[in-house]
Amino acid sequence: MASSQAFSGIPSSTPATPGGNTLAPTVLRGVEYKCGDCGARNVIKGGDPVRCRQCGFRILYKTRTKRCKY
């Protein structure tokens, strides 16, 4: 690299809004599912048991994305 600093892969500053507040990223790690029994929203990651966290029911439905194709 041309500069004397080594690249660490992590940004040194966080983006800020004009008011001075920093933006907090809302990253959802895992996939969102809806319980087939109680309707509770569950986020399941790889390796987690497929089970509702509220009632323990084992049938979960994957929720649709809110992305628009057109």
Foldseek 3Di string as FASTA:
>chain_A
DPDPDDDPPDDPDADADPVGHGDDDDDQAAFWWADPPPRDIDGDHPPDQQADPPPGDRDIHGDDDPDDPD
